[in-house]
């Protein structure tokens, strides 16, 4: 008897504030599609602080950035949504099989390891970590914001749709 191996589709949640969404973030989404059938980019915010004024613009920019990753035959391979509260709660709400995270350094690793432990032990959702590619390892949203605040040009750090 020949057994047919079936593949159940996997959904990853890639969550963050993405302020702004950088080339490094884009590469994690692209590479995430190699381990998941669908990636949801979740733009989180603290509801105690209210919905950020710029979140709708951020969502539009990210949607425009990831649009080429969706195919006519698979229009929902990558989706972008905002959410308040805990990431794990949102992951359950959208049916994510695991959290997708990217790390640049040992400092990121320690932080992400602790989060992954909490998410698995307390909330029951696993985390898949992708290491950033060397050419994106120095890019972070906070670095981009700091450079912009001091008048530096940052378009080389951001996807083309956000320039």
C-alpha atoms as a PDB file:
ATOM      1  CA  UNK A   1       0.000   0.000   0.000  1.00  0.00           C
ATOM      2  CA  UNK A   2       1.339   3.412  -0.956  1.00  0.00           C
ATOM      3  CA  UNK A   3       0.680   6.131   1.569  1.00  0.00           C
ATOM      4  CA  UNK A   4       0.047   9.589   0.266  1.00  0.00           C
ATOM      5  CA  UNK A   5       1.805  12.267   2.278  1.00  0.00           C
ATOM      6  CA  UNK A   6      -0.281  15.375   2.553  1.00  0.00           C
ATOM      7  CA  UNK A   7       0.886  18.795   3.543  1.00  0.00           C
ATOM      8  CA  UNK A   8      -1.350  20.903   5.736  1.00  0.00           C
ATOM      9  CA  UNK A   9      -0.836  24.601   5.015  1.00  0.00           C
ATOM     10  CA  UNK A  10       1.147  26.477   7.632  1.00  0.00           C
ATOM     11  CA  UNK A  11       0.561  30.080   8.625  1.00  0.00           C
ATOM     12  CA  UNK A  12       3.267  32.206  10.245  1.00  0.00           C
ATOM     13  CA  UNK A  13       2.699  35.443  12.103  1.00  0.00           C
ATOM     14  CA  UNK A  14       5.524  37.956  11.714  1.00  0.00           C
ATOM     15  CA  UNK A  15       4.698  40.586  14.313  1.00  0.00           C
ATOM     16  CA  UNK A  16       6.272  43.893  15.241  1.00  0.00           C
ATOM     17  CA  UNK A  17       5.760  47.631  15.231  1.00  0.00           C
ATOM     18  CA  UNK A  18       7.559  47.944  11.859  1.00  0.00           C
ATOM     19  CA  UNK A  19       8.117  51.651  12.313  1.00  0.00           C
ATOM     20  CA  UNK A  20       9.339  51.720   9.600  1.00  0.00           C
ATOM     21  CA  UNK A  21       9.229  48.423   7.679  1.00  0.00           C
ATOM     22  CA  UNK A  22      12.823  47.928   6.494  1.00  0.00           C
ATOM     23  CA  UNK A  23      14.613  45.852   3.877  1.00  0.00           C
ATOM     24  CA  UNK A  24      15.525  43.440   6.669  1.00  0.00           C
ATOM     25  CA  UNK A  25      11.851  42.958   7.520  1.00  0.00           C
ATOM     26  CA  UNK A  26      11.012  42.370   3.869  1.00  0.00           C
ATOM     27  CA  UNK A  27      13.682  39.679   3.579  1.00  0.00           C
ATOM     28  CA  UNK A  28      12.329  37.891   6.669  1.00  0.00           C
ATOM     29  CA  UNK A  29       8.868  37.838   5.053  1.00  0.00           C
ATOM     30  CA  UNK A  30      10.292  36.557   1.753  1.00  0.00           C
ATOM     31  CA  UNK A  31      12.317  33.869   3.500  1.00  0.00           C
ATOM     32  CA  UNK A  32       9.382  33.084   5.773  1.00  0.00           C
ATOM     33  CA  UNK A  33       7.476  31.971   2.691  1.00  0.00           C
ATOM     34  CA  UNK A  34      10.041  29.181   2.387  1.00  0.00           C
ATOM     35  CA  UNK A  35       8.924  27.708   5.733  1.00  0.00           C
ATOM     36  CA  UNK A  36       5.256  28.738   5.702  1.00  0.00           C
ATOM     37  CA  UNK A  37       2.559  28.750   3.063  1.00  0.00           C
ATOM     38  CA  UNK A  38       1.191  32.037   4.341  1.00  0.00           C
ATOM     39  CA  UNK A  39       2.754  34.896   6.311  1.00  0.00           C
ATOM     40  CA  UNK A  40       0.697  37.439   8.181  1.00  0.00           C
ATOM     41  CA  UNK A  41       2.553  40.662   8.943  1.00  0.00           C
ATOM     42  CA  UNK A  42       0.996  41.807  12.213  1.00  0.00           C
ATOM     43  CA  UNK A  43       1.522  45.442  13.109  1.00  0.00           C
ATOM     44  CA  UNK A  44       1.033  45.569  16.853  1.00  0.00           C
ATOM     45  CA  UNK A  45       0.268  48.471  19.102  1.00  0.00           C
ATOM     46  CA  UNK A  46      -0.312  48.994  22.792  1.00  0.00           C
ATOM     47  CA  UNK A  47      -4.019  49.722  23.229  1.00  0.00           C
ATOM     48  CA  UNK A  48      -3.269  51.440  26.565  1.00  0.00           C
ATOM     49  CA  UNK A  49      -1.443  54.091  24.548  1.00  0.00           C
ATOM     50  CA  UNK A  50      -4.222  54.279  21.921  1.00  0.00           C
ATOM     51  CA  UNK A  51      -3.968  53.460  18.249  1.00  0.00           C
ATOM     52  CA  UNK A  52      -0.891  55.206  16.784  1.00  0.00           C
ATOM     53  CA  UNK A  53      -1.770  58.061  14.473  1.00  0.00           C
ATOM     54  CA  UNK A  54       0.518  56.740  11.731  1.00  0.00           C
ATOM     55  CA  UNK A  55      -0.630  53.103  11.773  1.00  0.00           C
ATOM     56  CA  UNK A  56      -2.923  53.356   8.731  1.00  0.00           C
ATOM     57  CA  UNK A  57      -0.106  54.848   6.668  1.00  0.00           C
ATOM     58  CA  UNK A  58       2.281  52.169   7.907  1.00  0.00           C
ATOM     59  CA  UNK A  59      -0.207  49.446   6.950  1.00  0.00           C
ATOM     60  CA  UNK A  60      -0.607  50.936   3.458  1.00  0.00           C
ATOM     61  CA  UNK A  61       3.159  51.114   2.958  1.00  0.00           C
ATOM     62  CA  UNK A  62       3.698  47.530   4.070  1.00  0.00           C
ATOM     63  CA  UNK A  63       0.820  46.286   1.887  1.00  0.00           C
ATOM     64  CA  UNK A  64       2.340  48.039  -1.133  1.00  0.00           C
ATOM     65  CA  UNK A  65       5.742  46.556  -0.291  1.00  0.00           C
ATOM     66  CA  UNK A  66       4.547  42.961  -0.015  1.00  0.00           C
ATOM     67  CA  UNK A  67       2.021  43.079  -2.900  1.00  0.00           C
ATOM     68  CA  UNK A  68       4.481  41.498  -5.384  1.00  0.00           C
ATOM     69  CA  UNK A  69       4.812  38.447  -3.095  1.00  0.00           C
ATOM     70  CA  UNK A  70       1.183  37.521  -3.677  1.00  0.00           C
ATOM     71  CA  UNK A  71       0.346  35.561  -6.830  1.00  0.00           C
ATOM     72  CA  UNK A  72      -2.958  35.543  -8.734  1.00  0.00           C
ATOM     73  CA  UNK A  73      -3.324  31.869  -7.802  1.00  0.00           C
ATOM     74  CA  UNK A  74      -2.432  32.633  -4.147  1.00  0.00           C
ATOM     75  CA  UNK A  75      -3.671  36.162  -3.415  1.00  0.00           C
ATOM     76  CA  UNK A  76      -3.371  35.798   0.361  1.00  0.00           C
ATOM     77  CA  UNK A  77       0.178  34.397   0.704  1.00  0.00           C
ATOM     78  CA  UNK A  78       1.151  37.527   2.600  1.00  0.00           C
ATOM     79  CA  UNK A  79      -1.349  39.671   4.451  1.00  0.00           C
ATOM     80  CA  UNK A  80      -0.931  42.757   6.611  1.00  0.00           C
ATOM     81  CA  UNK A  81      -3.095  43.475   9.647  1.00  0.00           C
ATOM     82  CA  UNK A  82      -2.905  45.622  12.760  1.00  0.00           C
ATOM     83  CA  UNK A  83      -3.785  44.411  16.226  1.00  0.00           C
ATOM     84  CA  UNK A  84      -3.846  45.601  19.834  1.00  0.00           C
ATOM     85  CA  UNK A  85      -2.712  43.563  22.803  1.00  0.00           C
ATOM     86  CA  UNK A  86      -0.705  40.377  23.039  1.00  0.00           C
ATOM     87  CA  UNK A  87       0.878  38.909  19.934  1.00  0.00           C
ATOM     88  CA  UNK A  88       0.025  35.368  21.027  1.00  0.00           C
ATOM     89  CA  UNK A  89      -3.666  36.282  21.325  1.00  0.00           C
ATOM     90  CA  UNK A  90      -3.597  37.717  17.814  1.00  0.00           C
ATOM     91  CA  UNK A  91      -1.750  34.613  16.580  1.00  0.00           C
ATOM     92  CA  UNK A  92      -4.565  32.431  17.885  1.00  0.00           C
ATOM     93  CA  UNK A  93      -7.188  34.743  16.383  1.00  0.00           C
ATOM     94  CA  UNK A  94      -5.674  34.473  12.884  1.00  0.00           C
ATOM     95  CA  UNK A  95      -4.894  30.760  13.175  1.00  0.00           C
ATOM     96  CA  UNK A  96      -1.108  31.093  13.071  1.00  0.00           C
ATOM     97  CA  UNK A  97       0.792  27.844  13.454  1.00  0.00           C
ATOM     98  CA  UNK A  98       3.904  29.648  14.670  1.00  0.00           C
ATOM     99  CA  UNK A  99       5.492  33.042  15.190  1.00  0.00           C
ATOM    100  CA  UNK A 100       8.155  34.127  12.713  1.00  0.00           C
ATOM    101  CA  UNK A 101      10.977  36.264  14.043  1.00  0.00           C
ATOM    102  CA  UNK A 102      14.194  37.655  12.647  1.00  0.00           C
ATOM    103  CA  UNK A 103      17.337  38.295  14.633  1.00  0.00           C
ATOM    104  CA  UNK A 104      20.442  40.319  13.826  1.00  0.00           C
ATOM    105  CA  UNK A 105      22.742  39.730  16.788  1.00  0.00           C
ATOM    106  CA  UNK A 106      23.402  37.911  20.034  1.00  0.00           C
ATOM    107  CA  UNK A 107      21.497  40.656  21.859  1.00  0.00           C
ATOM    108  CA  UNK A 108      18.460  40.016  19.661  1.00  0.00           C
ATOM    109  CA  UNK A 109      18.873  36.292  20.267  1.00  0.00           C
ATOM    110  CA  UNK A 110      18.659  36.581  24.065  1.00  0.00           C
ATOM    111  CA  UNK A 111      15.571  38.768  23.857  1.00  0.00           C
ATOM    112  CA  UNK A 112      13.849  36.566  21.263  1.00  0.00           C
ATOM    113  CA  UNK A 113      14.748  33.370  23.127  1.00  0.00           C
ATOM    114  CA  UNK A 114      13.020  34.649  26.252  1.00  0.00           C
ATOM    115  CA  UNK A 115       9.950  35.699  24.267  1.00  0.00           C
ATOM    116  CA  UNK A 116       9.856  32.340  22.479  1.00  0.00           C
ATOM    117  CA  UNK A 117      10.035  30.509  25.798  1.00  0.00           C
ATOM    118  CA  UNK A 118       7.133  32.521  27.226  1.00  0.00           C
ATOM    119  CA  UNK A 119       5.059  32.152  24.083  1.00  0.00           C
ATOM    120  CA  UNK A 120       5.554  28.379  24.049  1.00  0.00           C
ATOM    121  CA  UNK A 121       5.292  27.608  27.756  1.00  0.00           C
ATOM    122  CA  UNK A 122       2.569  30.032  28.750  1.00  0.00           C
ATOM    123  CA  UNK A 123       0.630  30.583  25.555  1.00  0.00           C
ATOM    124  CA  UNK A 124       1.324  27.396  23.594  1.00  0.00           C
ATOM    125  CA  UNK A 125       2.643  28.836  20.325  1.00  0.00           C
ATOM    126  CA  UNK A 126       6.062  28.014  18.898  1.00  0.00           C
ATOM    127  CA  UNK A 127       8.537  30.432  17.301  1.00  0.00           C
ATOM    128  CA  UNK A 128      10.655  30.008  14.169  1.00  0.00           C
ATOM    129  CA  UNK A 129      13.697  32.282  14.098  1.00  0.00           C
ATOM    130  CA  UNK A 130      15.499  33.337  10.933  1.00  0.00           C
ATOM    131  CA  UNK A 131      18.897  34.982  11.181  1.00  0.00           C
ATOM    132  CA  UNK A 132      19.192  38.168   9.180  1.00  0.00           C
ATOM    133  CA  UNK A 133      21.375  38.077   6.131  1.00  0.00           C
ATOM    134  CA  UNK A 134      24.695  39.874   6.726  1.00  0.00           C
ATOM    135  CA  UNK A 135      23.860  42.767   4.413  1.00  0.00           C
ATOM    136  CA  UNK A 136      20.769  43.589   6.527  1.00  0.00           C
ATOM    137  CA  UNK A 137      22.145  42.856   9.993  1.00  0.00           C
ATOM    138  CA  UNK A 138      22.798  46.486  10.854  1.00  0.00           C
ATOM    139  CA  UNK A 139      19.361  47.756   9.799  1.00  0.00           C
ATOM    140  CA  UNK A 140      16.753  48.349  12.480  1.00  0.00           C
ATOM    141  CA  UNK A 141      13.685  50.548  12.574  1.00  0.00           C
ATOM    142  CA  UNK A 142      15.148  52.550  15.440  1.00  0.00           C
ATOM    143  CA  UNK A 143      18.368  53.196  13.482  1.00  0.00           C
ATOM    144  CA  UNK A 144      16.314  54.363  10.480  1.00  0.00           C
ATOM    145  CA  UNK A 145      14.232  56.684  12.678  1.00  0.00           C
ATOM    146  CA  UNK A 146      17.353  58.114  14.338  1.00  0.00           C
ATOM    147  CA  UNK A 147      19.049  58.732  10.997  1.00  0.00           C
ATOM    148  CA  UNK A 148      15.912  60.380   9.586  1.00  0.00           C
ATOM    149  CA  UNK A 149      15.517  62.574  12.688  1.00  0.00           C
ATOM    150  CA  UNK A 150      19.060  63.844  12.087  1.00  0.00           C
ATOM    151  CA  UNK A 151      18.546  64.598   8.414  1.00  0.00           C
ATOM    152  CA  UNK A 152      20.230  61.546   6.903  1.00  0.00           C
ATOM    153  CA  UNK A 153      19.010  59.862   3.740  1.00  0.00           C
ATOM    154  CA  UNK A 154      17.615  56.375   4.511  1.00  0.00           C
ATOM    155  CA  UNK A 155      16.095  55.160   1.246  1.00  0.00           C
ATOM    156  CA  UNK A 156      18.816  52.510   0.840  1.00  0.00           C
ATOM    157  CA  UNK A 157      17.530  50.875   4.047  1.00  0.00           C
ATOM    158  CA  UNK A 158      13.875  50.767   3.030  1.00  0.00           C
ATOM    159  CA  UNK A 159      11.957  48.864   0.342  1.00  0.00           C
ATOM    160  CA  UNK A 160      11.407  50.945  -2.798  1.00  0.00           C
ATOM    161  CA  UNK A 161       7.669  51.337  -2.224  1.00  0.00           C
ATOM    162  CA  UNK A 162       8.361  53.348   0.925  1.00  0.00           C
ATOM    163  CA  UNK A 163      10.650  55.992  -0.513  1.00  0.00           C
END
